[in-house]
PDB file of N, CA and C in Angstrom:
ATOM      1  N   MET A   1       0.904  -1.119  -0.020  1.00  0.00           N
ATOM      2  CA  MET A   1       0.253  -0.268  -0.022  1.00  0.00           C
ATOM      3  C   MET A   1       1.236   1.725   0.197  1.00  0.00           C
ATOM      4  N   MET A   2       0.231   2.015  -0.856  1.00  0.00           N
ATOM      5  CA  MET A   2       1.201   3.664  -0.485  1.00  0.00           C
ATOM      6  C   MET A   2       0.638   4.084   0.035  1.00  0.00           C
ATOM      7  N   LYS A   3       2.125   4.781   0.522  1.00  0.00           N
ATOM      8  CA  LYS A   3       1.787   5.942   1.920  1.00  0.00           C
ATOM      9  C   LYS A   3       1.083   7.227   1.367  1.00  0.00           C
ATOM     10  N   VAL A   4       0.425   7.877   1.891  1.00  0.00           N
ATOM     11  CA  VAL A   4      -0.029   9.046   1.953  1.00  0.00           C
ATOM     12  C   VAL A   4      -0.325   9.916   2.546  1.00  0.00           C
ATOM     13  N   PRO A   5       0.436  11.469   2.606  1.00  0.00           N
ATOM     14  CA  PRO A   5       1.067  12.094   2.770  1.00  0.00           C
ATOM     15  C   PRO A   5      -0.214  13.195   3.909  1.00  0.00           C
ATOM     16  N   THR A   6       0.615  12.915   5.253  1.00  0.00           N
ATOM     17  CA  THR A   6      -0.367  13.985   6.213  1.00  0.00           C
ATOM     18  C   THR A   6      -0.876  14.696   5.412  1.00  0.00           C
ATOM     19  N   TRP A   7      -0.786  15.793   4.966  1.00  0.00           N
ATOM     20  CA  TRP A   7      -1.573  17.047   4.151  1.00  0.00           C
ATOM     21  C   TRP A   7      -2.469  16.377   3.390  1.00  0.00           C
ATOM     22  N   LYS A   8      -2.797  15.750   2.684  1.00  0.00           N
ATOM     23  CA  LYS A   8      -3.602  14.560   1.947  1.00  0.00           C
ATOM     24  C   LYS A   8      -4.602  13.931   2.821  1.00  0.00           C
ATOM     25  N   LEU A   9      -4.406  13.845   4.002  1.00  0.00           N
ATOM     26  CA  LEU A   9      -5.085  12.988   5.108  1.00  0.00           C
ATOM     27  C   LEU A   9      -6.203  14.023   5.636  1.00  0.00           C
ATOM     28  N   ALA A  10      -5.396  15.062   6.106  1.00  0.00           N
ATOM     29  CA  ALA A  10      -5.937  16.573   6.537  1.00  0.00           C
ATOM     30  C   ALA A  10      -6.718  17.161   6.090  1.00  0.00           C
ATOM     31  N   MET A  11      -6.530  16.783   4.541  1.00  0.00           N
ATOM     32  CA  MET A  11      -7.447  18.278   3.581  1.00  0.00           C
ATOM     33  C   MET A  11      -8.635  16.834   3.264  1.00  0.00           C
ATOM     34  N   LEU A  12      -8.062  15.187   3.135  1.00  0.00           N
ATOM     35  CA  LEU A  12      -9.387  14.506   3.162  1.00  0.00           C
ATOM     36  C   LEU A  12     -10.406  14.808   4.199  1.00  0.00           C
ATOM     37  N   LEU A  13     -10.108  14.941   5.535  1.00  0.00           N
ATOM     38  CA  LEU A  13     -10.800  15.156   6.506  1.00  0.00           C
ATOM     39  C   LEU A  13     -11.699  16.282   6.105  1.00  0.00           C
ATOM     40  N   ILE A  14     -10.838  17.562   6.254  1.00  0.00           N
ATOM     41  CA  ILE A  14     -10.899  18.912   5.970  1.00  0.00           C
ATOM     42  C   ILE A  14     -12.946  18.599   4.816  1.00  0.00           C
ATOM     43  N   TYR A  15     -12.355  18.239   3.744  1.00  0.00           N
ATOM     44  CA  TYR A  15     -13.282  17.836   3.133  1.00  0.00           C
ATOM     45  C   TYR A  15     -14.609  17.439   3.298  1.00  0.00           C
ATOM     46  N   SER A  16     -13.918  15.912   3.775  1.00  0.00           N
ATOM     47  CA  SER A  16     -15.259  15.194   3.950  1.00  0.00           C
ATOM     48  C   SER A  16     -15.990  16.172   4.907  1.00  0.00           C
ATOM     49  N   CYS A  17     -15.713  16.600   6.224  1.00  0.00           N
ATOM     50  CA  CYS A  17     -16.573  17.352   7.363  1.00  0.00           C
ATOM     51  C   CYS A  17     -16.965  19.007   6.619  1.00  0.00           C
ATOM     52  N   THR A  18     -17.005  19.228   5.185  1.00  0.00           N
ATOM     53  CA  THR A  18     -17.414  19.822   5.320  1.00  0.00           C
ATOM     54  C   THR A  18     -18.584  20.211   3.729  1.00  0.00           C
ATOM     55  N   VAL A  19     -17.972  18.952   3.056  1.00  0.00           N
ATOM     56  CA  VAL A  19     -19.157  18.448   1.768  1.00  0.00           C
ATOM     57  C   VAL A  19     -20.116  17.855   2.502  1.00  0.00           C
ATOM     58  N   ALA A  20     -20.176  17.214   4.205  1.00  0.00           N
ATOM     59  CA  ALA A  20     -21.105  16.274   4.466  1.00  0.00           C
ATOM     60  C   ALA A  20     -22.282  17.605   5.376  1.00  0.00           C
ATOM     61  N   SER A  21     -21.390  18.687   6.036  1.00  0.00           N
ATOM     62  CA  SER A  21     -22.369  19.349   6.327  1.00  0.00           C
ATOM     63  C   SER A  21     -23.292  20.333   5.623  1.00  0.00           C
ATOM     64  N   ALA A  22     -22.048  20.261   4.347  1.00  0.00           N
ATOM     65  CA  ALA A  22     -22.833  21.540   3.342  1.00  0.00           C
ATOM     66  C   ALA A  22     -23.961  21.107   3.419  1.00  0.00           C
ATOM     67  N   CYS A  23     -24.038  19.524   2.745  1.00  0.00           N
ATOM     68  CA  CYS A  23     -25.342  18.986   2.015  1.00  0.00           C
ATOM     69  C   CYS A  23     -26.183  18.114   2.922  1.00  0.00           C
ATOM     70  N   MET A  24     -26.551  18.425   4.241  1.00  0.00           N
ATOM     71  CA  MET A  24     -27.299  18.128   5.385  1.00  0.00           C
ATOM     72  C   MET A  24     -27.667  18.972   5.251  1.00  0.00           C
ATOM     73  N   PHE A  25     -27.298  19.703   5.086  1.00  0.00           N
ATOM     74  CA  PHE A  25     -27.897  21.615   6.185  1.00  0.00           C
ATOM     75  C   PHE A  25     -29.036  21.937   4.225  1.00  0.00           C
ATOM     76  N   ILE A  26     -28.081  22.230   3.103  1.00  0.00           N
ATOM     77  CA  ILE A  26     -29.412  21.950   2.153  1.00  0.00           C
ATOM     78  C   ILE A  26     -29.946  20.740   1.658  1.00  0.00           C
ATOM     79  N   ILE A  27     -30.249  20.177   1.948  1.00  0.00           N
ATOM     80  CA  ILE A  27     -31.243  18.483   1.851  1.00  0.00           C
ATOM     81  C   ILE A  27     -31.770  19.044   3.441  1.00  0.00           C
ATOM     82  N   SER A  28     -31.595  19.590   4.119  1.00  0.00           N
ATOM     83  CA  SER A  28     -32.294  19.518   5.194  1.00  0.00           C
ATOM     84  C   SER A  28     -33.745  21.155   5.149  1.00  0.00           C
ATOM     85  N   LEU A  29     -33.088  22.118   4.495  1.00  0.00           N
ATOM     86  CA  LEU A  29     -33.777  23.706   4.082  1.00  0.00           C
ATOM     87  C   LEU A  29     -34.849  22.804   3.186  1.00  0.00           C
ATOM     88  N   PHE A  30     -34.668  21.853   2.049  1.00  0.00           N
ATOM     89  CA  PHE A  30     -35.268  21.402   0.672  1.00  0.00           C
ATOM     90  C   PHE A  30     -36.559  20.538   1.403  1.00  0.00           C
ATOM     91  N   PHE A  31     -35.997  19.738   2.341  1.00  0.00           N
ATOM     92  CA  PHE A  31     -37.008  19.212   2.781  1.00  0.00           C
ATOM     93  C   PHE A  31     -38.040  19.479   3.990  1.00  0.00           C
ATOM     94  N   GLN A  32     -37.521  20.635   4.240  1.00  0.00           N
ATOM     95  CA  GLN A  32     -38.919  21.864   5.710  1.00  0.00           C
ATOM     96  C   GLN A  32     -39.430  22.245   4.737  1.00  0.00           C
ATOM     97  N   TRP A  33     -39.423  22.749   3.258  1.00  0.00           N
ATOM     98  CA  TRP A  33     -39.713  23.520   2.669  1.00  0.00           C
ATOM     99  C   TRP A  33     -40.945  22.933   2.025  1.00  0.00           C
ATOM    100  N   LEU A  34     -40.548  22.257   1.138  1.00  0.00           N
ATOM    101  CA  LEU A  34     -41.245  20.779   0.376  1.00  0.00           C
ATOM    102  C   LEU A  34     -42.749  20.577   0.611  1.00  0.00           C
ATOM    103  N   PRO A  35     -42.837  20.392   1.754  1.00  0.00           N
ATOM    104  CA  PRO A  35     -43.855  20.560   2.416  1.00  0.00           C
ATOM    105  C   PRO A  35     -45.199  21.307   2.247  1.00  0.00           C
ATOM    106  N   GLY A  36     -44.347  23.210   2.549  1.00  0.00           N
ATOM    107  CA  GLY A  36     -45.664  23.655   2.775  1.00  0.00           C
ATOM    108  C   GLY A  36     -45.462  24.459   1.988  1.00  0.00           C
ATOM    109  N   SER A  37     -44.840  23.918   0.649  1.00  0.00           N
ATOM    110  CA  SER A  37     -44.551  24.853  -0.771  1.00  0.00           C
ATOM    111  C   SER A  37     -46.381  25.404  -1.235  1.00  0.00           C
ATOM    112  N   GLY A  38     -47.440  24.999  -0.602  1.00  0.00           N
ATOM    113  CA  GLY A  38     -47.953  25.527  -1.621  1.00  0.00           C
ATOM    114  C   GLY A  38     -48.538  27.394   0.069  1.00  0.00           C
ATOM    115  N   VAL A  39     -47.735  26.834   0.871  1.00  0.00           N
ATOM    116  CA  VAL A  39     -48.705  27.807   1.439  1.00  0.00           C
ATOM    117  C   VAL A  39     -47.370  28.688   1.886  1.00  0.00           C
ATOM    118  N   PHE A  40     -47.314  30.077   2.390  1.00  0.00           N
ATOM    119  CA  PHE A  40     -46.619  30.870   3.203  1.00  0.00           C
ATOM    120  C   PHE A  40     -45.056  30.385   3.337  1.00  0.00           C
ATOM    121  N   ASN A  41     -44.396  29.997   3.324  1.00  0.00           N
ATOM    122  CA  ASN A  41     -43.057  29.058   3.941  1.00  0.00           C
ATOM    123  C   ASN A  41     -41.886  30.494   3.703  1.00  0.00           C
ATOM    124  N   ASP A  42     -41.735  30.611   4.684  1.00  0.00           N
ATOM    125  CA  ASP A  42     -39.598  31.371   4.611  1.00  0.00           C
ATOM    126  C   ASP A  42     -38.864  30.435   4.314  1.00  0.00           C
ATOM    127  N   PHE A  43     -38.600  29.766   3.154  1.00  0.00           N
ATOM    128  CA  PHE A  43     -37.287  29.290   3.170  1.00  0.00           C
ATOM    129  C   PHE A  43     -36.238  28.745   4.042  1.00  0.00           C
ATOM    130  N   PHE A  44     -35.620  30.622   4.452  1.00  0.00           N
ATOM    131  CA  PHE A  44     -34.759  31.065   5.440  1.00  0.00           C
ATOM    132  C   PHE A  44     -35.066  31.581   6.766  1.00  0.00           C
ATOM    133  N   GLY A  45     -35.774  30.877   7.073  1.00  0.00           N
ATOM    134  CA  GLY A  45     -37.340  31.602   8.551  1.00  0.00           C
ATOM    135  C   GLY A  45     -35.843  31.238   9.928  1.00  0.00           C
ATOM    136  N   SER A  46     -36.153  31.892  10.566  1.00  0.00           N
ATOM    137  CA  SER A  46     -35.040  31.065  12.184  1.00  0.00           C
ATOM    138  C   SER A  46     -35.256  29.432  12.596  1.00  0.00           C
ATOM    139  N   HIS A  47     -36.448  29.176  12.333  1.00  0.00           N
ATOM    140  CA  HIS A  47     -37.210  27.895  12.908  1.00  0.00           C
ATOM    141  C   HIS A  47     -36.373  26.800  11.963  1.00  0.00           C
ATOM    142  N   GLN A  48     -36.397  27.065   9.949  1.00  0.00           N
ATOM    143  CA  GLN A  48     -35.785  26.252   9.431  1.00  0.00           C
ATOM    144  C   GLN A  48     -33.983  26.424   8.898  1.00  0.00           C
ATOM    145  N   LEU A  49     -33.851  27.917   9.720  1.00  0.00           N
ATOM    146  CA  LEU A  49     -32.729  27.468   9.761  1.00  0.00           C
ATOM    147  C   LEU A  49     -31.646  27.070  11.045  1.00  0.00           C
ATOM    148  N   ARG A  50     -32.465  27.282  11.386  1.00  0.00           N
ATOM    149  CA  ARG A  50     -32.030  26.427  13.409  1.00  0.00           C
ATOM    150  C   ARG A  50     -31.700  24.913  13.212  1.00  0.00           C
ATOM    151  N   ILE A  51     -32.816  24.507  12.707  1.00  0.00           N
ATOM    152  CA  ILE A  51     -32.754  22.553  12.373  1.00  0.00           C
ATOM    153  C   ILE A  51     -32.145  22.905  11.565  1.00  0.00           C
ATOM    154  N   ALA A  52     -31.889  23.372  10.613  1.00  0.00           N
ATOM    155  CA  ALA A  52     -30.841  23.026   8.959  1.00  0.00           C
ATOM    156  C   ALA A  52     -29.415  22.995  10.103  1.00  0.00           C
ATOM    157  N   PHE A  53     -29.118  23.796  10.740  1.00  0.00           N
ATOM    158  CA  PHE A  53     -27.453  24.245  11.717  1.00  0.00           C
ATOM    159  C   PHE A  53     -27.817  22.526  12.092  1.00  0.00           C
ATOM    160  N   LYS A  54     -28.704  22.318  12.742  1.00  0.00           N
ATOM    161  CA  LYS A  54     -28.785  21.522  13.611  1.00  0.00           C
ATOM    162  C   LYS A  54     -27.971  19.422  12.658  1.00  0.00           C
ATOM    163  N   MET A  55     -28.501  19.629  11.916  1.00  0.00           N
ATOM    164  CA  MET A  55     -28.104  19.031  11.198  1.00  0.00           C
ATOM    165  C   MET A  55     -27.018  19.199  10.130  1.00  0.00           C
ATOM    166  N   ALA A  56     -26.395  20.091  10.369  1.00  0.00           N
ATOM    167  CA  ALA A  56     -25.301  20.252   9.570  1.00  0.00           C
ATOM    168  C   ALA A  56     -23.734  19.917  10.517  1.00  0.00           C
ATOM    169  N   VAL A  57     -24.818  20.145  11.963  1.00  0.00           N
ATOM    170  CA  VAL A  57     -23.521  19.226  13.205  1.00  0.00           C
ATOM    171  C   VAL A  57     -23.336  17.670  12.467  1.00  0.00           C
ATOM    172  N   ILE A  58     -24.826  16.877  12.679  1.00  0.00           N
ATOM    173  CA  ILE A  58     -25.280  15.893  12.559  1.00  0.00           C
ATOM    174  C   ILE A  58     -24.244  15.662  11.067  1.00  0.00           C
ATOM    175  N   GLY A  59     -24.387  16.227  10.136  1.00  0.00           N
ATOM    176  CA  GLY A  59     -23.076  16.108   8.683  1.00  0.00           C
ATOM    177  C   GLY A  59     -21.687  16.661   8.942  1.00  0.00           C
ATOM    178  N   PHE A  60     -21.397  16.710   9.562  1.00  0.00           N
ATOM    179  CA  PHE A  60     -19.844  17.354  10.541  1.00  0.00           C
ATOM    180  C   PHE A  60     -19.180  15.772  10.469  1.00  0.00           C
ATOM    181  N   VAL A  61     -20.171  15.488  11.975  1.00  0.00           N
ATOM    182  CA  VAL A  61     -19.923  13.709  12.557  1.00  0.00           C
ATOM    183  C   VAL A  61     -20.022  13.189  11.528  1.00  0.00           C
ATOM    184  N   LEU A  62     -21.234  12.994  10.433  1.00  0.00           N
ATOM    185  CA  LEU A  62     -21.077  12.234   9.767  1.00  0.00           C
ATOM    186  C   LEU A  62     -19.585  12.118   8.869  1.00  0.00           C
ATOM    187  N   GLY A  63     -19.068  13.194   8.275  1.00  0.00           N
ATOM    188  CA  GLY A  63     -17.885  13.286   7.707  1.00  0.00           C
ATOM    189  C   GLY A  63     -16.912  12.740   8.611  1.00  0.00           C
ATOM    190  N   VAL A  64     -16.654  12.752  10.033  1.00  0.00           N
ATOM    191  CA  VAL A  64     -15.507  12.406  10.252  1.00  0.00           C
ATOM    192  C   VAL A  64     -15.467  11.179  10.314  1.00  0.00           C
ATOM    193  N   LEU A  65     -16.853  10.289  10.587  1.00  0.00           N
ATOM    194  CA  LEU A  65     -16.896   9.433  10.394  1.00  0.00           C
ATOM    195  C   LEU A  65     -16.789   8.536   8.994  1.00  0.00           C
ATOM    196  N   ILE A  66     -17.209   9.153   8.219  1.00  0.00           N
ATOM    197  CA  ILE A  66     -16.717   9.215   6.691  1.00  0.00           C
ATOM    198  C   ILE A  66     -15.378   8.617   6.683  1.00  0.00           C
ATOM    199  N   TRP A  67     -14.702   9.763   7.214  1.00  0.00           N
ATOM    200  CA  TRP A  67     -12.812   9.662   7.245  1.00  0.00           C
ATOM    201  C   TRP A  67     -12.552   8.922   7.641  1.00  0.00           C
ATOM    202  N   LEU A  68     -13.106   8.274   9.063  1.00  0.00           N
ATOM    203  CA  LEU A  68     -12.418   7.765  10.086  1.00  0.00           C
ATOM    204  C   LEU A  68     -12.538   5.994   9.005  1.00  0.00           C
ATOM    205  N   SER A  69     -14.069   6.009   9.171  1.00  0.00           N
ATOM    206  CA  SER A  69     -14.116   4.661   7.548  1.00  0.00           C
ATOM    207  C   SER A  69     -12.599   4.233   6.650  1.00  0.00           C
ATOM    208  N   TYR A  70     -12.134   5.648   5.821  1.00  0.00           N
ATOM    209  CA  TYR A  70     -11.527   5.183   5.655  1.00  0.00           C
ATOM    210  C   TYR A  70      -9.639   5.093   5.746  1.00  0.00           C
ATOM    211  N   TYR A  71      -9.614   6.371   7.267  1.00  0.00           N
ATOM    212  CA  TYR A  71      -7.833   6.244   7.894  1.00  0.00           C
ATOM    213  C   TYR A  71      -7.854   4.873   8.963  1.00  0.00           C
ATOM    214  N   ILE A  72      -8.616   4.383   9.470  1.00  0.00           N
ATOM    215  CA  ILE A  72      -8.508   3.293  10.168  1.00  0.00           C
ATOM    216  C   ILE A  72      -8.188   1.908   9.622  1.00  0.00           C
ATOM    217  N   PRO A  73      -8.540   1.728   8.256  1.00  0.00           N
ATOM    218  CA  PRO A  73      -8.133   0.059   7.578  1.00  0.00           C
ATOM    219  C   PRO A  73      -6.929   0.738   6.742  1.00  0.00           C
ATOM    220  N   TYR A  74      -6.648   1.943   6.842  1.00  0.00           N
ATOM    221  CA  TYR A  74      -5.460   2.490   5.579  1.00  0.00           C
ATOM    222  C   TYR A  74      -4.144   1.972   6.890  1.00  0.00           C
ATOM    223  N   ARG A  75      -4.803   2.831   7.990  1.00  0.00           N
ATOM    224  CA  ARG A  75      -3.764   2.858   9.083  1.00  0.00           C
ATOM    225  C   ARG A  75      -3.093   1.226   9.987  1.00  0.00           C
ATOM    226  N   LYS A  76      -4.263   0.238   9.654  1.00  0.00           N
ATOM    227  CA  LYS A  76      -3.682  -0.724  10.133  1.00  0.00           C
ATOM    228  C   LYS A  76      -3.161  -1.545   8.837  1.00  0.00           C
ATOM    229  N   LYS A  77      -2.951  -1.641   7.958  1.00  0.00           N
ATOM    230  CA  LYS A  77      -2.304  -1.940   6.674  1.00  0.00           C
ATOM    231  C   LYS A  77      -1.530  -1.108   6.618  1.00  0.00           C
ATOM    232  N   SER A  78      -0.791  -0.107   6.816  1.00  0.00           N
ATOM    233  CA  SER A  78      -0.127   0.245   6.741  1.00  0.00           C
ATOM    234  C   SER A  78       0.981   0.399   8.665  1.00  0.00           C
ATOM    235  N   LEU A  79       1.076  -0.428   9.489  1.00  0.00           N
ATOM    236  CA  LEU A  79       1.333  -0.177  10.151  1.00  0.00           C
ATOM    237  C   LEU A  79       1.533  -1.553  10.347  1.00  0.00           C
ATOM    238  N   ASN A  80       1.023  -2.515   9.797  1.00  0.00           N
ATOM    239  CA  ASN A  80       1.427  -4.205   9.401  1.00  0.00           C
ATOM    240  C   ASN A  80       2.699  -4.784   8.541  1.00  0.00           C
ATOM    241  N   ARG A  81       2.975  -3.374   7.789  1.00  0.00           N
ATOM    242  CA  ARG A  81       4.489  -4.145   6.608  1.00  0.00           C
ATOM    243  C   ARG A  81       5.447  -3.352   7.462  1.00  0.00           C
TER     244      ARG A  81
END
């Protein structure tokens, strides 16, 4: 197995956390807006944003878990060599 530089592992962590949290934020706003699209529903209302930010935190944790699912097997294989 090739050795991956530390800076690439760090960039992968940053990328997975930001993309997962941004996707969860946008998807959360969309699914809150979707049921009420026939009536007046503020897309960027305070209640909707609060829920979307909570989902972004969950997305951040999901991004860390995605990164760990790559890093832990990589680390085990690199230590066994």
